[in-house]
Amino acid sequence: LKWHQAADWLHPILFFLMVLVLFPLAIGAQPSLLARVGGAAVWIAALLSVLIGMEGLFRRDLEEGTLEQLVVLRASLAHWALAKVTVHWLGSGLVVALLSGLALPLFHLQGAQAWALFWGLLLGLPVLTLLAALGAALTVSLRAGGLLVPLIALPLQLPVLIFASGLVNLAGQGDPLLPVLALLGALLIVALLALPWAIGAALRLAVQ
């Protein structure tokens, strides 16, 4: 389904690339300034790309009756939602994490900063995706649900954004990264254990 609906996952990736390329052109060619704001710029672009790709994550399943069939069959909506979000992340979030290597020449980042950015995205983007999926599940039956997803998800995503975007600066200063990476790993574990059940409950309410 992801392969046949290429526009759904290409749009966020293209948006991420556009922001990544245009931001250095807009802010100027000052290596020190670009290196200082590079991590935050990449994370903001990644967060916005996650939110853009969430509006139709569950809507087609609701309109086509897939969710209703799952409820009738008493299938685990939590496991189904986790599988759905995982496939979505593999087609967009993982690609964004790999494309973050472009920040190395664009923002004049050093090798340690690029690795910090990559590992931060690898741990943080799944959490952002699950939180955005929760917002999408809560608004799937609403006509203007796409406008409400950022309002619901952003307050929950801000702590992840704050901690993860500072990794690049820590790497640039030579500070240890393990405490922040461990915190992101802990948040990912909690999100994987709790959020699929919350998403499943929200989808069940939407069907009923």
Foldseek 3Di string as FASTA:
>chain_A
DCVVVVCLQVVLVVQLVVQLQVVCVVVDDDLVVLLVCVLLSSLVSLLVSLLSNQQVLCLVCLVVCVLVVCVVVVHQQLVVLVVSLVVSCVSHLLVSLVVLVVSCVSNVADPQLNVLSSLLSVLLVSLLNLLLLLQNLLCSLPPPSSVCSCVRRVVVSVVSSVLSSCSSVCSVVVHDDVVSSVVSNVSSVVSSVPSSNSSSVSNVVSND
